[in-house]
N, C-alpha and C. Protein backbone atom coordinates (compact mmCIF):
# COMPACT_ATOMS: atom_id res chain seq x y z
N MET A 1 -50.88 18.36 92.59
CA MET A 1 -50.58 17.05 93.15
C MET A 1 -51.84 16.18 93.21
N PHE A 2 -52.97 16.83 93.62
CA PHE A 2 -54.23 16.10 93.70
C PHE A 2 -54.64 15.59 92.31
N GLU A 3 -54.51 16.45 91.31
CA GLU A 3 -54.86 16.06 89.94
C GLU A 3 -53.97 14.91 89.45
N PHE A 4 -52.69 14.96 89.80
CA PHE A 4 -51.75 13.90 89.40
C PHE A 4 -52.14 12.58 90.04
N LEU A 5 -52.45 12.60 91.34
CA LEU A 5 -52.85 11.38 92.04
C LEU A 5 -54.17 10.84 91.48
N LYS A 6 -55.06 11.77 91.09
CA LYS A 6 -56.33 11.36 90.49
C LYS A 6 -56.10 10.61 89.18
N GLN A 7 -55.15 11.13 88.39
CA GLN A 7 -54.82 10.48 87.12
C GLN A 7 -54.19 9.11 87.34
N LEU A 8 -53.41 8.97 88.41
CA LEU A 8 -52.78 7.68 88.70
C LEU A 8 -53.79 6.61 89.09
N THR A 9 -54.97 7.01 89.51
CA THR A 9 -56.01 6.03 89.86
C THR A 9 -57.02 5.84 88.74
N ASP A 10 -56.83 6.53 87.63
CA ASP A 10 -57.73 6.43 86.48
C ASP A 10 -56.99 5.72 85.34
N PRO A 11 -57.37 4.47 85.02
CA PRO A 11 -56.65 3.70 84.01
C PRO A 11 -56.53 4.39 82.66
N GLU A 12 -57.62 5.03 82.20
CA GLU A 12 -57.58 5.69 80.89
C GLU A 12 -56.60 6.87 80.88
N SER A 13 -56.57 7.62 81.98
CA SER A 13 -55.65 8.76 82.07
C SER A 13 -54.20 8.31 82.05
N ILE A 14 -53.91 7.22 82.75
CA ILE A 14 -52.55 6.69 82.80
C ILE A 14 -52.04 6.40 81.40
N ILE A 15 -52.85 5.71 80.61
CA ILE A 15 -52.43 5.34 79.25
C ILE A 15 -52.40 6.56 78.33
N GLN A 16 -53.39 7.43 78.48
CA GLN A 16 -53.48 8.60 77.61
C GLN A 16 -52.31 9.55 77.82
N TYR A 17 -51.94 9.79 79.08
CA TYR A 17 -50.91 10.79 79.38
C TYR A 17 -49.50 10.20 79.49
N GLY A 18 -49.40 8.96 79.87
CA GLY A 18 -48.07 8.40 80.11
C GLY A 18 -47.64 7.32 79.13
N GLY A 19 -48.59 6.78 78.36
CA GLY A 19 -48.26 5.74 77.40
C GLY A 19 -47.68 4.49 78.04
N LEU A 20 -46.87 3.78 77.29
CA LEU A 20 -46.32 2.50 77.74
C LEU A 20 -45.43 2.67 78.97
N ALA A 21 -44.65 3.73 79.02
CA ALA A 21 -43.71 3.93 80.13
C ALA A 21 -44.44 4.02 81.47
N LEU A 22 -45.50 4.84 81.53
CA LEU A 22 -46.24 4.98 82.77
C LEU A 22 -47.03 3.71 83.08
N LEU A 23 -47.51 3.04 82.06
CA LEU A 23 -48.21 1.77 82.22
C LEU A 23 -47.31 0.75 82.90
N LEU A 24 -46.07 0.62 82.43
CA LEU A 24 -45.11 -0.31 83.02
C LEU A 24 -44.78 0.09 84.45
N PHE A 25 -44.63 1.39 84.69
CA PHE A 25 -44.28 1.85 86.03
C PHE A 25 -45.40 1.53 87.02
N VAL A 26 -46.65 1.73 86.62
CA VAL A 26 -47.77 1.47 87.52
C VAL A 26 -47.85 -0.01 87.88
N VAL A 27 -47.67 -0.89 86.90
CA VAL A 27 -47.68 -2.33 87.17
C VAL A 27 -46.52 -2.69 88.12
N PHE A 28 -45.34 -2.12 87.86
CA PHE A 28 -44.19 -2.35 88.73
C PHE A 28 -44.48 -1.85 90.15
N ALA A 29 -45.01 -0.63 90.25
CA ALA A 29 -45.23 -0.01 91.56
C ALA A 29 -46.27 -0.76 92.37
N GLU A 30 -47.32 -1.24 91.70
CA GLU A 30 -48.38 -1.93 92.43
C GLU A 30 -47.90 -3.26 93.00
N THR A 31 -46.91 -3.86 92.34
CA THR A 31 -46.42 -5.16 92.81
C THR A 31 -45.09 -5.06 93.54
N GLY A 32 -44.46 -3.88 93.53
CA GLY A 32 -43.14 -3.80 94.14
C GLY A 32 -42.94 -2.71 95.17
N LEU A 33 -43.81 -1.70 95.19
CA LEU A 33 -43.65 -0.59 96.13
C LEU A 33 -44.78 -0.61 97.14
N LEU A 34 -44.45 -0.36 98.37
CA LEU A 34 -45.42 -0.45 99.46
C LEU A 34 -46.62 0.47 99.25
N ILE A 35 -46.39 1.63 98.65
CA ILE A 35 -47.48 2.60 98.46
C ILE A 35 -48.28 2.33 97.19
N GLY A 36 -47.94 1.26 96.46
CA GLY A 36 -48.58 1.03 95.17
C GLY A 36 -49.91 0.30 95.23
N PHE A 37 -50.40 -0.04 96.45
CA PHE A 37 -51.61 -0.84 96.55
C PHE A 37 -52.85 -0.13 96.04
N PHE A 38 -52.83 1.22 95.98
CA PHE A 38 -54.03 1.96 95.58
C PHE A 38 -54.12 2.11 94.06
N LEU A 39 -53.12 1.67 93.32
CA LEU A 39 -53.11 1.83 91.86
C LEU A 39 -54.05 0.82 91.19
N PRO A 40 -54.64 1.19 90.04
CA PRO A 40 -55.68 0.36 89.41
C PRO A 40 -55.12 -0.71 88.47
N GLY A 41 -54.39 -1.66 89.00
CA GLY A 41 -53.70 -2.66 88.17
C GLY A 41 -54.59 -3.45 87.25
N ASP A 42 -55.64 -4.10 87.80
CA ASP A 42 -56.49 -4.99 86.99
C ASP A 42 -57.14 -4.26 85.82
N SER A 43 -57.82 -3.16 86.13
CA SER A 43 -58.53 -2.43 85.08
C SER A 43 -57.56 -1.82 84.08
N LEU A 44 -56.38 -1.41 84.55
CA LEU A 44 -55.38 -0.83 83.67
C LEU A 44 -54.87 -1.85 82.66
N ILE A 45 -54.61 -3.06 83.12
CA ILE A 45 -54.12 -4.12 82.23
C ILE A 45 -55.20 -4.51 81.22
N PHE A 46 -56.44 -4.60 81.69
CA PHE A 46 -57.56 -4.92 80.80
C PHE A 46 -57.69 -3.87 79.70
N ILE A 47 -57.66 -2.60 80.09
CA ILE A 47 -57.81 -1.50 79.13
C ILE A 47 -56.63 -1.46 78.16
N SER A 48 -55.42 -1.78 78.63
CA SER A 48 -54.26 -1.78 77.74
C SER A 48 -54.42 -2.82 76.64
N GLY A 49 -55.05 -3.96 76.97
CA GLY A 49 -55.34 -4.97 75.95
C GLY A 49 -56.34 -4.46 74.93
N MET A 50 -57.35 -3.73 75.41
CA MET A 50 -58.35 -3.14 74.51
C MET A 50 -57.72 -2.13 73.56
N ILE A 51 -56.80 -1.34 74.09
CA ILE A 51 -56.17 -0.27 73.30
C ILE A 51 -55.34 -0.86 72.16
N CYS A 52 -54.80 -2.06 72.35
CA CYS A 52 -54.05 -2.72 71.27
C CYS A 52 -54.93 -2.97 70.06
N VAL A 53 -56.24 -3.04 70.29
CA VAL A 53 -57.18 -3.26 69.18
C VAL A 53 -57.66 -1.95 68.58
N SER A 54 -58.05 -1.00 69.47
CA SER A 54 -58.74 0.20 68.98
C SER A 54 -57.85 1.43 68.80
N HIS A 55 -56.90 1.67 69.74
CA HIS A 55 -56.07 2.88 69.68
C HIS A 55 -54.61 2.53 69.96
N ASN A 56 -54.06 1.67 69.10
CA ASN A 56 -52.71 1.17 69.33
C ASN A 56 -51.66 2.27 69.38
N ASP A 57 -51.95 3.43 68.76
CA ASP A 57 -50.98 4.51 68.74
C ASP A 57 -50.70 5.07 70.14
N LEU A 58 -51.60 4.83 71.11
CA LEU A 58 -51.41 5.36 72.46
C LEU A 58 -50.27 4.66 73.20
N ILE A 59 -50.05 3.38 72.91
CA ILE A 59 -48.96 2.67 73.57
C ILE A 59 -47.92 2.15 72.58
N GLY A 60 -48.27 2.13 71.29
CA GLY A 60 -47.31 1.80 70.24
C GLY A 60 -46.71 0.42 70.33
N ILE A 61 -47.51 -0.57 70.73
CA ILE A 61 -46.98 -1.93 70.89
C ILE A 61 -48.11 -2.93 70.66
N GLU A 62 -47.78 -4.08 70.09
CA GLU A 62 -48.78 -5.12 69.83
C GLU A 62 -49.01 -5.94 71.10
N ILE A 63 -50.03 -6.80 71.07
CA ILE A 63 -50.48 -7.49 72.28
C ILE A 63 -49.41 -8.43 72.88
N ILE A 64 -48.70 -9.21 72.06
CA ILE A 64 -47.72 -10.15 72.61
C ILE A 64 -46.55 -9.43 73.28
N PRO A 65 -45.91 -8.44 72.59
CA PRO A 65 -44.87 -7.66 73.29
C PRO A 65 -45.40 -6.95 74.53
N LEU A 66 -46.68 -6.52 74.47
CA LEU A 66 -47.29 -5.85 75.62
C LEU A 66 -47.36 -6.81 76.82
N ILE A 67 -47.83 -8.02 76.58
CA ILE A 67 -47.94 -9.02 77.65
C ILE A 67 -46.57 -9.31 78.26
N ILE A 68 -45.56 -9.49 77.40
CA ILE A 68 -44.21 -9.79 77.89
C ILE A 68 -43.66 -8.61 78.70
N SER A 69 -43.86 -7.39 78.20
CA SER A 69 -43.34 -6.20 78.90
C SER A 69 -44.01 -6.02 80.26
N LEU A 70 -45.34 -6.14 80.30
CA LEU A 70 -46.05 -5.98 81.56
C LEU A 70 -45.71 -7.09 82.56
N ALA A 71 -45.57 -8.32 82.05
CA ALA A 71 -45.21 -9.44 82.93
C ALA A 71 -43.82 -9.24 83.53
N LEU A 72 -42.88 -8.74 82.73
CA LEU A 72 -41.53 -8.48 83.24
C LEU A 72 -41.56 -7.39 84.31
N ALA A 73 -42.38 -6.34 84.08
CA ALA A 73 -42.51 -5.28 85.08
C ALA A 73 -43.08 -5.83 86.38
N ALA A 74 -44.05 -6.74 86.28
CA ALA A 74 -44.66 -7.35 87.46
C ALA A 74 -43.67 -8.28 88.18
N ILE A 75 -42.86 -9.00 87.41
CA ILE A 75 -41.85 -9.90 88.00
C ILE A 75 -40.80 -9.10 88.77
N VAL A 76 -40.29 -8.05 88.13
CA VAL A 76 -39.28 -7.20 88.78
C VAL A 76 -39.88 -6.54 90.02
N GLY A 77 -41.13 -6.09 89.93
CA GLY A 77 -41.80 -5.49 91.08
C GLY A 77 -41.85 -6.44 92.26
N ASN A 78 -42.21 -7.69 92.02
CA ASN A 78 -42.27 -8.68 93.09
C ASN A 78 -40.90 -8.96 93.71
N ILE A 79 -39.86 -8.95 92.87
CA ILE A 79 -38.50 -9.17 93.39
C ILE A 79 -38.13 -8.04 94.35
N ILE A 80 -38.46 -6.80 93.96
CA ILE A 80 -38.18 -5.65 94.83
C ILE A 80 -38.95 -5.80 96.14
N GLY A 81 -40.23 -6.20 96.04
CA GLY A 81 -41.04 -6.41 97.23
C GLY A 81 -40.47 -7.48 98.14
N TYR A 82 -39.98 -8.56 97.54
CA TYR A 82 -39.38 -9.68 98.29
C TYR A 82 -38.17 -9.21 99.09
N TRP A 83 -37.27 -8.48 98.42
CA TRP A 83 -36.06 -8.02 99.10
C TRP A 83 -36.37 -6.94 100.13
N PHE A 84 -37.40 -6.15 99.86
CA PHE A 84 -37.84 -5.16 100.85
C PHE A 84 -38.33 -5.88 102.11
N GLY A 85 -39.13 -6.92 101.91
CA GLY A 85 -39.63 -7.70 103.04
C GLY A 85 -38.51 -8.36 103.81
N LYS A 86 -37.50 -8.83 103.09
CA LYS A 86 -36.37 -9.51 103.73
C LYS A 86 -35.57 -8.54 104.61
N ARG A 87 -35.47 -7.30 104.16
CA ARG A 87 -34.64 -6.32 104.88
C ARG A 87 -35.39 -5.58 105.99
N VAL A 88 -36.57 -5.05 105.66
CA VAL A 88 -37.24 -4.19 106.65
C VAL A 88 -38.65 -4.66 106.97
N GLY A 89 -39.08 -5.76 106.40
CA GLY A 89 -40.45 -6.23 106.60
C GLY A 89 -40.88 -6.40 108.05
N PRO A 90 -40.06 -7.08 108.89
CA PRO A 90 -40.50 -7.31 110.27
C PRO A 90 -40.86 -6.04 111.03
N THR A 91 -40.23 -4.92 110.71
CA THR A 91 -40.51 -3.67 111.42
C THR A 91 -41.90 -3.13 111.07
N LEU A 92 -42.47 -3.60 109.95
CA LEU A 92 -43.80 -3.12 109.55
C LEU A 92 -44.86 -3.48 110.59
N PHE A 93 -44.65 -4.62 111.28
CA PHE A 93 -45.65 -5.05 112.26
C PHE A 93 -45.71 -4.12 113.48
N ASN A 94 -44.66 -3.34 113.67
CA ASN A 94 -44.64 -2.39 114.78
C ASN A 94 -44.96 -0.96 114.32
N LYS A 95 -45.22 -0.80 113.04
CA LYS A 95 -45.49 0.53 112.48
C LYS A 95 -46.92 0.96 112.79
N LYS A 96 -47.09 2.22 113.18
CA LYS A 96 -48.42 2.73 113.46
C LYS A 96 -49.16 3.03 112.16
N ASP A 97 -50.50 2.98 112.25
CA ASP A 97 -51.32 3.28 111.07
C ASP A 97 -51.11 4.72 110.61
N SER A 98 -51.12 4.91 109.30
CA SER A 98 -51.02 6.23 108.72
C SER A 98 -52.05 6.33 107.61
N PHE A 99 -52.04 7.46 106.88
CA PHE A 99 -53.00 7.64 105.80
C PHE A 99 -52.86 6.56 104.74
N ILE A 100 -51.60 6.17 104.43
CA ILE A 100 -51.34 5.17 103.39
C ILE A 100 -51.25 3.76 103.96
N PHE A 101 -50.49 3.61 105.05
CA PHE A 101 -50.23 2.27 105.60
C PHE A 101 -51.18 1.97 106.75
N LYS A 102 -51.76 0.76 106.73
CA LYS A 102 -52.62 0.33 107.83
C LYS A 102 -52.28 -1.12 108.19
N GLN A 103 -52.29 -1.40 109.49
CA GLN A 103 -51.95 -2.73 109.96
C GLN A 103 -52.91 -3.79 109.41
N LYS A 104 -54.16 -3.40 109.16
CA LYS A 104 -55.13 -4.40 108.68
C LYS A 104 -54.73 -4.98 107.34
N TYR A 105 -53.98 -4.19 106.52
CA TYR A 105 -53.51 -4.73 105.24
C TYR A 105 -52.56 -5.90 105.47
N LEU A 106 -51.68 -5.75 106.47
CA LEU A 106 -50.75 -6.83 106.80
C LEU A 106 -51.48 -8.04 107.35
N ILE A 107 -52.48 -7.80 108.20
CA ILE A 107 -53.23 -8.89 108.81
C ILE A 107 -53.98 -9.69 107.75
N ILE A 108 -54.64 -8.98 106.82
CA ILE A 108 -55.40 -9.65 105.76
C ILE A 108 -54.46 -10.49 104.88
N THR A 109 -53.32 -9.89 104.51
CA THR A 109 -52.38 -10.61 103.64
C THR A 109 -51.77 -11.80 104.36
N LYS A 110 -51.45 -11.63 105.63
CA LYS A 110 -50.87 -12.74 106.40
C LYS A 110 -51.85 -13.90 106.50
N SER A 111 -53.13 -13.58 106.75
CA SER A 111 -54.17 -14.60 106.82
C SER A 111 -54.30 -15.34 105.49
N PHE A 112 -54.28 -14.58 104.40
CA PHE A 112 -54.38 -15.17 103.06
C PHE A 112 -53.18 -16.07 102.79
N TYR A 113 -52.00 -15.63 103.23
CA TYR A 113 -50.77 -16.39 103.02
C TYR A 113 -50.81 -17.70 103.79
N GLN A 114 -51.25 -17.64 105.05
CA GLN A 114 -51.30 -18.84 105.88
C GLN A 114 -52.26 -19.87 105.31
N LYS A 115 -53.32 -19.39 104.68
CA LYS A 115 -54.33 -20.29 104.13
C LYS A 115 -53.88 -20.90 102.80
N ASN A 116 -53.20 -20.10 101.97
CA ASN A 116 -52.89 -20.54 100.61
C ASN A 116 -51.42 -20.81 100.34
N GLY A 117 -50.54 -20.48 101.30
CA GLY A 117 -49.12 -20.78 101.14
C GLY A 117 -48.52 -20.12 99.91
N GLY A 118 -47.67 -20.87 99.20
CA GLY A 118 -46.98 -20.33 98.03
C GLY A 118 -47.93 -19.90 96.92
N LYS A 119 -49.13 -20.48 96.91
CA LYS A 119 -50.11 -20.11 95.89
C LYS A 119 -50.52 -18.66 96.00
N THR A 120 -50.25 -18.06 97.17
CA THR A 120 -50.60 -16.65 97.36
C THR A 120 -49.94 -15.78 96.31
N LEU A 121 -48.72 -16.15 95.90
CA LEU A 121 -47.99 -15.35 94.91
C LEU A 121 -48.65 -15.43 93.54
N ILE A 122 -49.42 -16.51 93.30
CA ILE A 122 -50.16 -16.62 92.04
C ILE A 122 -51.57 -16.06 92.20
N LEU A 123 -52.30 -16.56 93.21
CA LEU A 123 -53.67 -16.10 93.44
C LEU A 123 -53.70 -14.61 93.80
N GLY A 124 -52.69 -14.19 94.57
CA GLY A 124 -52.65 -12.81 95.03
C GLY A 124 -52.50 -11.80 93.91
N ARG A 125 -51.97 -12.23 92.77
CA ARG A 125 -51.85 -11.32 91.62
C ARG A 125 -53.20 -10.75 91.21
N PHE A 126 -54.25 -11.51 91.44
CA PHE A 126 -55.58 -11.10 90.98
C PHE A 126 -56.36 -10.33 92.06
N LEU A 127 -55.71 -10.05 93.19
CA LEU A 127 -56.40 -9.38 94.29
C LEU A 127 -55.68 -8.11 94.71
N PRO A 128 -56.37 -6.97 94.66
CA PRO A 128 -55.75 -5.72 95.11
C PRO A 128 -55.28 -5.84 96.55
N ILE A 129 -54.28 -5.10 96.93
CA ILE A 129 -53.65 -5.09 98.26
C ILE A 129 -52.85 -6.37 98.48
N ILE A 130 -53.46 -7.54 98.27
CA ILE A 130 -52.74 -8.80 98.45
C ILE A 130 -51.52 -8.83 97.54
N ARG A 131 -51.66 -8.41 96.28
CA ARG A 131 -50.55 -8.51 95.35
C ARG A 131 -49.41 -7.56 95.72
N THR A 132 -49.72 -6.50 96.48
CA THR A 132 -48.66 -5.60 96.93
C THR A 132 -47.90 -6.18 98.12
N PHE A 133 -48.63 -6.80 99.05
CA PHE A 133 -48.00 -7.27 100.29
C PHE A 133 -47.52 -8.72 100.23
N ALA A 134 -48.04 -9.53 99.28
CA ALA A 134 -47.64 -10.94 99.21
C ALA A 134 -46.13 -11.14 99.04
N PRO A 135 -45.46 -10.45 98.10
CA PRO A 135 -44.02 -10.64 97.97
C PRO A 135 -43.25 -10.15 99.20
N ILE A 136 -43.77 -9.13 99.88
CA ILE A 136 -43.13 -8.64 101.10
C ILE A 136 -43.17 -9.74 102.16
N PHE A 137 -44.33 -10.40 102.30
CA PHE A 137 -44.44 -11.49 103.27
C PHE A 137 -43.54 -12.66 102.89
N ALA A 138 -43.40 -12.90 101.59
CA ALA A 138 -42.49 -13.97 101.15
C ALA A 138 -41.07 -13.68 101.63
N GLY A 139 -40.67 -12.41 101.58
CA GLY A 139 -39.36 -12.02 102.08
C GLY A 139 -39.27 -12.12 103.58
N ILE A 140 -40.32 -11.71 104.28
CA ILE A 140 -40.33 -11.76 105.75
C ILE A 140 -40.17 -13.18 106.27
N ILE A 141 -40.91 -14.13 105.67
CA ILE A 141 -40.86 -15.51 106.17
C ILE A 141 -39.79 -16.34 105.46
N ASN A 142 -38.95 -15.67 104.68
CA ASN A 142 -37.80 -16.33 104.04
C ASN A 142 -38.18 -17.48 103.13
N VAL A 143 -39.16 -17.26 102.26
CA VAL A 143 -39.47 -18.25 101.23
C VAL A 143 -38.23 -18.44 100.35
N ASP A 144 -37.91 -19.70 100.03
CA ASP A 144 -36.76 -19.97 99.17
C ASP A 144 -36.87 -19.15 97.88
N PHE A 145 -35.78 -18.46 97.51
CA PHE A 145 -35.86 -17.52 96.39
C PHE A 145 -36.19 -18.21 95.07
N LYS A 146 -35.67 -19.42 94.84
CA LYS A 146 -35.98 -20.14 93.61
C LYS A 146 -37.46 -20.50 93.55
N LYS A 147 -37.99 -20.94 94.68
CA LYS A 147 -39.42 -21.27 94.75
C LYS A 147 -40.25 -20.00 94.56
N PHE A 148 -39.80 -18.91 95.19
CA PHE A 148 -40.47 -17.62 95.04
C PHE A 148 -40.50 -17.19 93.58
N MET A 149 -39.39 -17.34 92.88
CA MET A 149 -39.31 -16.92 91.48
C MET A 149 -40.22 -17.75 90.59
N LEU A 150 -40.35 -19.04 90.89
CA LEU A 150 -41.24 -19.90 90.10
C LEU A 150 -42.67 -19.38 90.20
N TYR A 151 -43.16 -19.17 91.44
CA TYR A 151 -44.51 -18.64 91.62
C TYR A 151 -44.64 -17.22 91.06
N ASN A 152 -43.58 -16.46 91.20
CA ASN A 152 -43.56 -15.08 90.72
C ASN A 152 -43.78 -15.02 89.21
N VAL A 153 -43.03 -15.82 88.46
CA VAL A 153 -43.11 -15.82 86.99
C VAL A 153 -44.46 -16.36 86.53
N ILE A 154 -44.90 -17.49 87.12
CA ILE A 154 -46.19 -18.07 86.73
C ILE A 154 -47.32 -17.08 87.01
N GLY A 155 -47.31 -16.49 88.20
CA GLY A 155 -48.35 -15.55 88.59
C GLY A 155 -48.39 -14.32 87.70
N ALA A 156 -47.21 -13.79 87.37
CA ALA A 156 -47.14 -12.58 86.55
C ALA A 156 -47.72 -12.83 85.16
N PHE A 157 -47.29 -13.91 84.51
CA PHE A 157 -47.77 -14.19 83.15
C PHE A 157 -49.25 -14.58 83.15
N ALA A 158 -49.70 -15.29 84.20
CA ALA A 158 -51.12 -15.65 84.27
C ALA A 158 -51.98 -14.39 84.42
N TRP A 159 -51.58 -13.51 85.33
CA TRP A 159 -52.32 -12.27 85.60
C TRP A 159 -52.38 -11.38 84.37
N ILE A 160 -51.23 -11.11 83.79
CA ILE A 160 -51.16 -10.20 82.63
C ILE A 160 -51.85 -10.82 81.42
N SER A 161 -51.57 -12.08 81.14
CA SER A 161 -52.14 -12.74 79.95
C SER A 161 -53.65 -12.79 79.99
N LEU A 162 -54.21 -13.18 81.14
CA LEU A 162 -55.66 -13.31 81.24
C LEU A 162 -56.37 -11.96 81.11
N LEU A 163 -55.87 -10.95 81.82
CA LEU A 163 -56.56 -9.66 81.81
C LEU A 163 -56.36 -8.89 80.50
N SER A 164 -55.11 -8.81 80.04
CA SER A 164 -54.88 -8.07 78.79
C SER A 164 -55.44 -8.86 77.60
N GLY A 165 -55.37 -10.20 77.67
CA GLY A 165 -55.96 -11.03 76.61
C GLY A 165 -57.46 -10.85 76.54
N ALA A 166 -58.11 -10.77 77.72
CA ALA A 166 -59.56 -10.54 77.76
C ALA A 166 -59.89 -9.18 77.17
N GLY A 167 -59.09 -8.16 77.51
CA GLY A 167 -59.31 -6.83 76.96
C GLY A 167 -59.12 -6.80 75.46
N TYR A 168 -58.11 -7.51 74.99
CA TYR A 168 -57.82 -7.56 73.55
C TYR A 168 -58.96 -8.23 72.78
N TYR A 169 -59.48 -9.32 73.35
CA TYR A 169 -60.56 -10.05 72.69
C TYR A 169 -61.87 -9.28 72.76
N LEU A 170 -62.22 -8.80 73.96
CA LEU A 170 -63.50 -8.11 74.13
C LEU A 170 -63.50 -6.70 73.53
N GLY A 171 -62.29 -6.15 73.33
CA GLY A 171 -62.19 -4.80 72.77
C GLY A 171 -62.71 -4.69 71.35
N THR A 172 -62.94 -5.81 70.70
CA THR A 172 -63.49 -5.79 69.34
C THR A 172 -65.01 -5.57 69.35
N TYR A 173 -65.62 -5.69 70.54
CA TYR A 173 -67.08 -5.51 70.66
C TYR A 173 -67.39 -4.07 71.08
N HIS A 174 -68.27 -3.44 70.32
CA HIS A 174 -68.60 -2.04 70.59
C HIS A 174 -69.26 -1.85 71.96
N TRP A 175 -70.07 -2.82 72.40
CA TRP A 175 -70.77 -2.64 73.67
C TRP A 175 -69.78 -2.60 74.83
N VAL A 176 -68.63 -3.27 74.68
CA VAL A 176 -67.60 -3.22 75.72
C VAL A 176 -66.99 -1.83 75.78
N GLN A 177 -66.70 -1.26 74.60
CA GLN A 177 -66.11 0.08 74.54
C GLN A 177 -67.07 1.12 75.10
N TYR A 178 -68.37 0.96 74.85
CA TYR A 178 -69.35 1.93 75.31
C TYR A 178 -69.65 1.80 76.81
N ASN A 179 -69.36 0.64 77.38
CA ASN A 179 -69.66 0.40 78.80
C ASN A 179 -68.40 0.16 79.61
N LEU A 180 -67.31 0.80 79.20
CA LEU A 180 -66.01 0.57 79.84
C LEU A 180 -66.02 0.94 81.32
N SER A 181 -66.67 2.04 81.67
CA SER A 181 -66.71 2.48 83.07
C SER A 181 -67.37 1.42 83.96
N ALA A 182 -68.47 0.85 83.47
CA ALA A 182 -69.17 -0.18 84.24
C ALA A 182 -68.32 -1.43 84.38
N ILE A 183 -67.57 -1.78 83.32
CA ILE A 183 -66.71 -2.95 83.37
C ILE A 183 -65.58 -2.75 84.38
N VAL A 184 -64.97 -1.56 84.37
CA VAL A 184 -63.90 -1.24 85.33
C VAL A 184 -64.43 -1.31 86.75
N MET A 185 -65.62 -0.75 86.99
CA MET A 185 -66.22 -0.81 88.32
C MET A 185 -66.50 -2.25 88.73
N GLY A 186 -66.93 -3.07 87.76
CA GLY A 186 -67.16 -4.49 88.04
C GLY A 186 -65.88 -5.19 88.45
N PHE A 187 -64.76 -4.88 87.77
CA PHE A 187 -63.46 -5.44 88.14
C PHE A 187 -63.13 -5.13 89.60
N ILE A 188 -63.32 -3.87 89.96
CA ILE A 188 -62.98 -3.43 91.32
C ILE A 188 -63.81 -4.18 92.35
N ILE A 189 -65.13 -4.29 92.10
CA ILE A 189 -66.02 -4.95 93.05
C ILE A 189 -65.68 -6.43 93.19
N ILE A 190 -65.50 -7.11 92.05
CA ILE A 190 -65.23 -8.55 92.06
C ILE A 190 -63.92 -8.87 92.80
N THR A 191 -62.87 -8.08 92.51
CA THR A 191 -61.57 -8.38 93.13
C THR A 191 -61.52 -8.00 94.60
N LEU A 192 -62.42 -7.11 95.05
CA LEU A 192 -62.43 -6.72 96.46
C LEU A 192 -63.25 -7.67 97.33
N ILE A 193 -64.14 -8.46 96.72
CA ILE A 193 -65.00 -9.36 97.50
C ILE A 193 -64.19 -10.30 98.40
N PRO A 194 -63.15 -11.02 97.89
CA PRO A 194 -62.39 -11.91 98.77
C PRO A 194 -61.73 -11.18 99.94
N LEU A 195 -61.32 -9.93 99.72
CA LEU A 195 -60.66 -9.16 100.78
C LEU A 195 -61.67 -8.83 101.89
N PHE A 196 -62.88 -8.43 101.49
CA PHE A 196 -63.90 -8.11 102.48
C PHE A 196 -64.31 -9.36 103.26
N VAL A 197 -64.43 -10.49 102.56
CA VAL A 197 -64.79 -11.74 103.22
C VAL A 197 -63.74 -12.11 104.26
N THR A 198 -62.46 -12.04 103.86
CA THR A 198 -61.37 -12.36 104.80
C THR A 198 -61.35 -11.39 105.96
N TYR A 199 -61.55 -10.11 105.68
CA TYR A 199 -61.50 -9.07 106.72
C TYR A 199 -62.61 -9.29 107.76
N PHE A 200 -63.84 -9.55 107.31
CA PHE A 200 -64.95 -9.72 108.25
C PHE A 200 -64.86 -11.04 109.00
N LYS A 201 -64.24 -12.06 108.39
CA LYS A 201 -64.00 -13.31 109.11
C LYS A 201 -63.04 -13.07 110.27
N LYS A 202 -62.00 -12.24 110.01
CA LYS A 202 -61.05 -11.92 111.08
C LYS A 202 -61.71 -11.09 112.17
């Protein structure tokens, strides 16, 4: 179980062992399932774009179908998160902290939502934890579903297109392939900065 969870947090392992199916599931889970916040969405999408250039046989799909498939998985994930928030979201505020769930995640996301409103569904796509809880909050506060879907679709295609497109373009450079670990670590640090800033402000 430990080895499996380790693979789920390693972008290269996800693609190598699970191919396109596991790739789609991880994107869906990170945006639609409460426990998906720990999954490596940004780096995984970036690497999937690179693989379309160098090792296409691992996922067996070209860049444009890849972008559409991943965006659809992200859209469906957000819809599930929205309906989850609508049904059971309010009870989360009374839930005690556990190994996976912590109240501070809700507080950070709520603060981000109050500051950015509907844009959270677009901006939040690029931020770990926020992208998991943003659709849930949309359901909790009863954001109009049509408005939610507009932000949902725009955010999904912007997130997937930018990251996988960057991977596809930069994947042609050997120095990127040789320094992939450093690039992935850079993604993690950059995307966590806004969360730490918001957390310490609170």
